[in-house]
Amino acid sequence: MDEHFTLGQKMWAEGIGTFFLVFVGAGTAAMTLILNHGAPRYTKSDIGIGALGGSADWLAIGLAFAFAIMTMVYIFGHVSGAHINPAVTLSILIQRLISPMEAVAYWVAQLIGATLGAFAIALVYGHSAWAIGGLGAPGPFPGIPLWQAGAAEAIGTFGLVLGVLGLAVNKHAPPHWAGLIIGLNIAGLIILLGNVSGAAINPARTIGPIFADWVLGGPNLWHIVVVYIIAQLLGAAAAAWVYPLIAEARTTLKRQSEVTRKQA
């Protein structure tokens, strides 16, 4: 018998999954700042995480995100697909594997989950979570122009979505490995891009901590949000367009065109 999950169940899965992605991943970024520096993070010239330094910091943060994503994929993948990222949902919508109504519902659940996850970081770590750690909110590192950070976000999201399409959507992908490999792919992207843009590569992970940090008295970083989200969605859309051109067998495409001509 085929499994069927209601839209409400899928929204809960996406909301809880994105909550833990932000709570564990962005929370680790905030904790790293607190442990490493212990002084107020934001100055007039400092935006984004900005105070993290060596690759060891980004290795820890990347692995934290990887563990959270792996866990949520294996828990909720059979319910909602465990997108836990609006950019992934956009790519699935472009592939016509989800309806527009479901996509909007997923986005709402993901944004709520990410925001609550950011507030949960503040609940656990207290004042230092936002005064020092900025709730792990992403942003360009000092000396990095916003356009360059946006380019990093677009390319990183492109790589993330390619991994999802190839491992979680592709029927020829090795079974049961999607969560592990997707998580490790994201960890690698975070380690590589962290010192440029903070490696958000996820609109919900971008909005949630920045919004919560702003509500709690942090700086206004909404100009970063706009650039990052545009870049992330463009990267996701590009991956959704490129992947089938490369990975779908030409014979399949030829048969589809022949069927279309016969039907016409």
Protein backbone atom coordinates (compact mmCIF):
# COMPACT_ATOMS: atom_id res chain seq x y z
CA MET A 1 0.00 0.00 0.00
CA ASP A 2 1.34 3.43 -0.96
CA GLU A 3 2.13 5.80 1.87
CA HIS A 4 0.27 9.08 1.91
CA PHE A 5 1.11 12.05 4.10
CA THR A 6 -1.08 15.09 4.51
CA LEU A 7 0.16 18.58 3.73
CA GLY A 8 0.02 19.31 7.45
CA GLN A 9 2.35 16.40 8.20
CA LYS A 10 4.74 17.58 5.50
CA MET A 11 4.73 21.12 6.90
CA TRP A 12 5.52 19.84 10.39
CA ALA A 13 8.37 17.77 8.96
CA GLU A 14 9.80 20.77 7.10
CA GLY A 15 9.35 23.09 10.07
CA ILE A 16 10.97 20.76 12.60
CA GLY A 17 13.72 19.81 10.16
CA THR A 18 14.63 23.43 9.43
CA PHE A 19 14.40 24.27 13.14
CA PHE A 20 17.12 21.74 13.96
CA LEU A 21 19.21 22.70 10.93
CA VAL A 22 19.41 26.27 12.25
CA PHE A 23 19.55 25.37 15.94
CA VAL A 24 22.45 22.94 15.48
CA GLY A 25 24.28 24.55 12.55
CA ALA A 26 23.90 28.27 13.21
CA GLY A 27 24.04 27.52 16.94
CA THR A 28 27.47 25.97 16.48
CA ALA A 29 28.61 29.10 14.62
CA ALA A 30 27.36 31.28 17.50
CA MET A 31 28.96 28.99 20.09
CA THR A 32 32.28 29.09 18.23
CA LEU A 33 32.27 32.89 18.34
CA ILE A 34 31.44 32.87 22.04
CA LEU A 35 34.20 30.39 22.89
CA ASN A 36 36.84 31.98 20.66
CA HIS A 37 36.36 35.65 21.33
CA GLY A 38 34.06 36.56 24.20
CA ALA A 39 33.70 40.18 23.11
CA PRO A 40 30.85 41.98 21.33
CA ARG A 41 30.93 40.95 17.70
CA TYR A 42 29.36 43.86 15.87
CA THR A 43 31.19 47.09 15.21
CA LYS A 44 30.48 49.82 12.69
CA SER A 45 32.66 48.09 10.12
CA ASP A 46 31.84 44.47 10.96
CA ILE A 47 28.97 42.57 9.39
CA GLY A 48 28.31 38.88 9.26
CA ILE A 49 30.04 36.28 11.39
CA GLY A 50 33.29 38.09 10.73
CA ALA A 51 35.24 36.95 13.78
CA LEU A 52 35.80 33.32 12.85
CA GLY A 53 39.23 32.52 11.61
CA GLY A 54 40.85 29.19 10.89
CA SER A 55 39.61 26.25 8.91
CA ALA A 56 39.10 24.29 12.14
CA ASP A 57 36.23 26.62 13.05
CA TRP A 58 34.57 26.06 9.70
CA LEU A 59 35.20 22.33 9.87
CA ALA A 60 33.28 22.21 13.14
CA ILE A 61 30.45 24.36 11.76
CA GLY A 62 30.30 22.42 8.49
CA LEU A 63 30.11 19.10 10.31
CA ALA A 64 27.42 20.44 12.66
CA PHE A 65 25.26 21.36 9.67
CA ALA A 66 26.06 18.00 8.05
CA PHE A 67 25.01 16.02 11.13
CA ALA A 68 21.79 18.00 11.49
CA ILE A 69 20.91 17.61 7.81
CA MET A 70 21.75 13.89 7.74
CA THR A 71 19.57 13.27 10.77
CA MET A 72 16.61 15.23 9.44
CA VAL A 73 16.84 13.59 6.00
CA TYR A 74 16.72 10.13 7.52
CA ILE A 75 13.91 11.08 9.93
CA PHE A 76 11.66 13.07 7.60
CA GLY A 77 12.81 12.23 4.08
CA HIS A 78 9.97 9.77 3.54
CA VAL A 79 7.41 12.32 4.78
CA SER A 80 8.19 15.56 2.97
CA GLY A 81 11.42 14.89 1.13
CA ALA A 82 13.24 16.81 3.89
CA HIS A 83 13.97 19.83 1.74
CA ILE A 84 14.58 22.03 4.83
CA ASN A 85 15.73 24.71 2.40
CA PRO A 86 13.49 26.98 0.27
CA ALA A 87 16.04 26.84 -2.55
CA VAL A 88 15.70 23.06 -2.69
CA THR A 89 11.92 23.39 -2.71
CA LEU A 90 12.18 25.84 -5.63
CA SER A 91 14.26 23.35 -7.59
CA ILE A 92 11.74 20.57 -6.91
CA LEU A 93 8.95 22.91 -8.01
CA ILE A 94 10.79 23.67 -11.25
CA GLN A 95 11.14 19.92 -11.79
CA ARG A 96 7.34 19.71 -11.36
CA LEU A 97 7.69 17.19 -8.55
CA ILE A 98 5.67 19.33 -6.14
CA SER A 99 2.63 21.55 -6.63
CA PRO A 100 2.83 25.35 -6.24
CA MET A 101 0.52 25.15 -3.21
CA GLU A 102 2.77 22.59 -1.54
CA ALA A 103 5.84 24.68 -2.33
CA VAL A 104 4.35 27.77 -0.67
CA ALA A 105 3.37 25.67 2.36
CA TYR A 106 6.90 24.28 2.57
CA TRP A 107 8.39 27.79 2.41
CA VAL A 108 6.16 29.01 5.22
CA ALA A 109 7.06 26.02 7.40
CA GLN A 110 10.77 26.36 6.65
CA LEU A 111 10.87 30.08 7.49
CA ILE A 112 8.96 29.58 10.73
CA GLY A 113 11.20 26.67 11.70
CA ALA A 114 14.38 28.62 10.94
CA THR A 115 13.22 31.64 12.94
CA LEU A 116 12.23 29.53 15.94
CA GLY A 117 15.56 27.71 15.69
CA ALA A 118 17.40 31.03 15.89
CA PHE A 119 15.39 32.13 18.92
CA ALA A 120 16.14 28.75 20.51
CA ILE A 121 19.86 29.54 20.22
CA ALA A 122 19.19 32.72 22.20
CA LEU A 123 17.19 30.74 24.75
CA VAL A 124 20.03 28.28 25.32
CA TYR A 125 23.01 30.67 25.30
CA GLY A 126 21.36 33.81 26.63
CA HIS A 127 22.55 37.34 25.94
CA SER A 128 25.92 36.25 24.56
CA ALA A 129 24.14 34.31 21.80
CA TRP A 130 23.22 37.53 19.99
CA ALA A 131 25.58 40.08 21.59
CA ILE A 132 28.65 38.00 20.72
CA GLY A 133 27.51 35.18 18.46
CA GLY A 134 24.92 37.08 16.42
CA LEU A 135 22.84 33.87 16.50
CA GLY A 136 25.16 32.55 13.81
CA ALA A 137 23.70 34.96 11.25
CA PRO A 138 25.54 34.86 7.91
CA GLY A 139 27.06 37.80 6.10
CA PRO A 140 30.11 38.90 4.09
CA PHE A 141 33.37 38.82 6.00
CA PRO A 142 35.20 42.14 6.52
CA GLY A 143 36.84 43.17 3.26
CA ILE A 144 34.52 41.02 1.13
CA PRO A 145 32.20 43.07 -1.12
CA LEU A 146 28.55 42.10 -1.07
CA TRP A 147 28.56 41.11 -4.76
CA GLN A 148 31.39 38.65 -4.10
CA ALA A 149 29.52 37.12 -1.17
CA GLY A 150 26.43 36.89 -3.36
CA ALA A 151 28.42 35.05 -6.02
CA ALA A 152 29.62 32.59 -3.37
CA GLU A 153 26.02 32.02 -2.27
CA ALA A 154 24.82 31.43 -5.83
CA ILE A 155 27.59 28.96 -6.65
CA GLY A 156 27.28 27.21 -3.29
CA THR A 157 23.51 26.82 -3.62
CA PHE A 158 23.99 25.54 -7.16
CA GLY A 159 26.28 22.81 -5.80
CA LEU A 160 23.93 22.01 -2.93
CA VAL A 161 20.90 21.61 -5.21
CA LEU A 162 22.84 19.53 -7.73
CA GLY A 163 23.66 17.15 -4.89
CA VAL A 164 20.03 16.93 -3.82
CA LEU A 165 18.75 16.33 -7.35
CA GLY A 166 21.41 13.73 -8.04
CA LEU A 167 21.07 11.82 -4.79
CA ALA A 168 17.53 12.30 -3.50
CA VAL A 169 15.54 12.78 -6.73
CA ASN A 170 17.46 10.73 -9.29
CA LYS A 171 16.02 7.19 -9.38
CA HIS A 172 19.44 5.80 -10.32
CA ALA A 173 21.14 7.14 -7.18
CA PRO A 174 22.47 4.55 -4.71
CA PRO A 175 19.74 3.84 -2.15
CA HIS A 176 20.04 4.93 1.48
CA TRP A 177 23.09 7.14 0.91
CA ALA A 178 21.35 10.44 0.16
CA GLY A 179 21.38 11.87 3.68
CA LEU A 180 25.04 11.10 4.31
CA ILE A 181 26.39 12.35 0.98
CA ILE A 182 24.18 15.45 0.87
CA GLY A 183 25.28 16.33 4.40
CA LEU A 184 28.95 15.91 3.56
CA ASN A 185 28.54 17.92 0.35
CA ILE A 186 27.06 20.79 2.36
CA ALA A 187 29.83 20.50 4.95
CA GLY A 188 32.42 20.85 2.19
CA LEU A 189 30.69 23.91 0.75
CA ILE A 190 30.52 25.54 4.18
CA ILE A 191 34.22 24.89 4.85
CA LEU A 192 35.10 26.37 1.45
CA LEU A 193 32.79 29.39 1.41
CA GLY A 194 32.48 30.19 5.11
CA ASN A 195 35.16 32.88 5.19
CA VAL A 196 33.59 34.62 2.20
CA SER A 197 29.84 34.81 2.82
CA GLY A 198 29.19 32.74 5.92
CA ALA A 199 28.01 29.97 3.57
CA ALA A 200 24.29 30.23 4.26
CA ILE A 201 23.28 28.63 0.91
CA ASN A 202 19.73 28.45 2.25
CA PRO A 203 17.19 31.33 2.33
CA ALA A 204 15.59 30.08 5.56
CA ARG A 205 18.97 29.76 7.27
CA THR A 206 19.69 33.30 6.06
CA ILE A 207 16.43 34.92 7.17
CA GLY A 208 15.85 33.12 10.48
CA PRO A 209 19.01 34.14 12.39
CA ILE A 210 19.19 37.62 10.84
CA PHE A 211 15.55 38.33 11.74
CA ALA A 212 15.86 36.96 15.28
CA ASP A 213 19.14 38.81 15.86
CA TRP A 214 17.54 42.05 14.63
CA VAL A 215 14.52 41.58 16.91
CA LEU A 216 16.87 41.10 19.88
CA GLY A 217 18.76 44.31 19.13
CA GLY A 218 21.34 43.24 16.58
CA PRO A 219 22.26 45.23 13.46
CA ASN A 220 20.00 45.74 10.47
CA LEU A 221 21.29 43.32 7.84
CA TRP A 222 18.26 43.21 5.56
CA HIS A 223 20.26 44.48 2.58
CA ILE A 224 22.32 41.30 2.93
CA VAL A 225 19.16 39.19 3.05
CA VAL A 226 17.92 40.58 -0.27
CA VAL A 227 21.19 39.91 -2.11
CA TYR A 228 21.68 36.48 -0.56
CA ILE A 229 18.16 35.25 -1.29
CA ILE A 230 18.30 36.41 -4.92
CA ALA A 231 21.67 34.70 -5.33
CA GLN A 232 20.52 31.49 -3.64
CA LEU A 233 17.32 31.21 -5.66
CA LEU A 234 19.18 31.90 -8.91
CA GLY A 235 21.68 29.17 -8.04
CA ALA A 236 18.87 26.73 -7.27
CA ALA A 237 17.00 27.55 -10.48
CA ALA A 238 20.17 27.14 -12.53
CA ALA A 239 20.82 23.72 -10.98
CA ALA A 240 17.23 22.62 -11.66
CA TRP A 241 17.68 23.60 -15.31
CA VAL A 242 21.20 22.22 -15.80
CA TYR A 243 20.86 18.88 -14.01
CA PRO A 244 18.38 17.17 -16.39
CA LEU A 245 20.31 18.46 -19.41
CA ILE A 246 23.39 16.62 -18.18
CA ALA A 247 22.10 13.69 -16.15
CA GLU A 248 18.98 12.59 -18.03
CA ALA A 249 19.66 10.05 -20.78
CA ARG A 250 19.27 11.41 -24.30
CA THR A 251 17.21 8.36 -25.28
CA THR A 252 14.65 9.27 -22.63
CA LEU A 253 14.43 12.83 -23.90
CA LYS A 254 14.12 11.56 -27.48
CA ARG A 255 11.28 9.20 -26.56
CA GLN A 256 9.49 11.98 -24.73
CA SER A 257 9.70 14.26 -27.77
CA GLU A 258 8.42 11.45 -30.01
CA VAL A 259 5.46 10.84 -27.70
CA THR A 260 4.71 14.55 -27.66
CA ARG A 261 4.73 14.69 -31.48
CA LYS A 262 2.42 11.67 -31.74
CA GLN A 263 0.00 13.15 -29.23
CA ALA A 264 -0.01 16.41 -31.17
